[in-house]
Amino acid sequence: RARLFLTVCGMSGPASSREAFFRSMAPESQFYLLFNHLPRVSFFAKDAQFRFVAANCHFVERLGFSCEAELLGKGDFDVFPSRLAENFRRDDEEVLRSGEPKLGIVELFFNRQGIPDWFVTHKLPVLDRKGSVMGIMGIVRAHGSAPDDAHPHRQIERAVEHIRTRFREKITVPELAEMAALSPRQLNRKFVEAFGMSPQAVVM
């Protein structure tokens, strides 16, 4: 589709030059390493079996590894809590199946200190030379730079912030529920939707 668009717009020459440029590129010329120099932006790529095949230093460090090689070949269920991995896998499967990107996914995750925080994820399909989807690539960044209206879990934000700042103290579910103006049952459901786990599990 992109090639057809460029030809119709009279840009077949530049498009051909671009293709020749990428075909001539050495395998070790990894564009994603540029993400190492963007603050608070994590990059990852997975193959069709959902195994990590590339990641920048921010993503690697966020998962507690010392280098990219330690992460390669692993899947979400190897490095994330199972309920979070299920959420990530569901989005990955949708991108693989549809061939369409999933942009602006706002989700709760754990920062490099292991404390819950908000992140925005963009996932795009990776195509092979025949145009078939062969994997997924994406970036993750802190929610602080995202628009407020992209925030689907704002109702429990006060409870999450309380956990972030007071996790060394005794925290009860009724206390968190009161902050969120929810019943304990409603709070539990909201946390499972956002984190894939209960408030007690997040505190632990």
Foldseek 3Di string as FASTA:
>chain_A
DVCVVCVVVVNNPVVVVVVVVVVPDDPVPDPCQVVLVPPQKKKWKAWPVQFTDDIYPQVCLFLPHDDGVVRGRDHLVVRDPPLQSVVVVVQFVVCLVPQAKDFFDWAWDAGSVRAIAIKTKIKGFDADPVGHGTIIMIMIGGCPPPDPVSDPLVLQVVLSVCLRVPLVDDDDLCVSCVRSVHDSVVQQVSCCVRPVGGPVVNSD
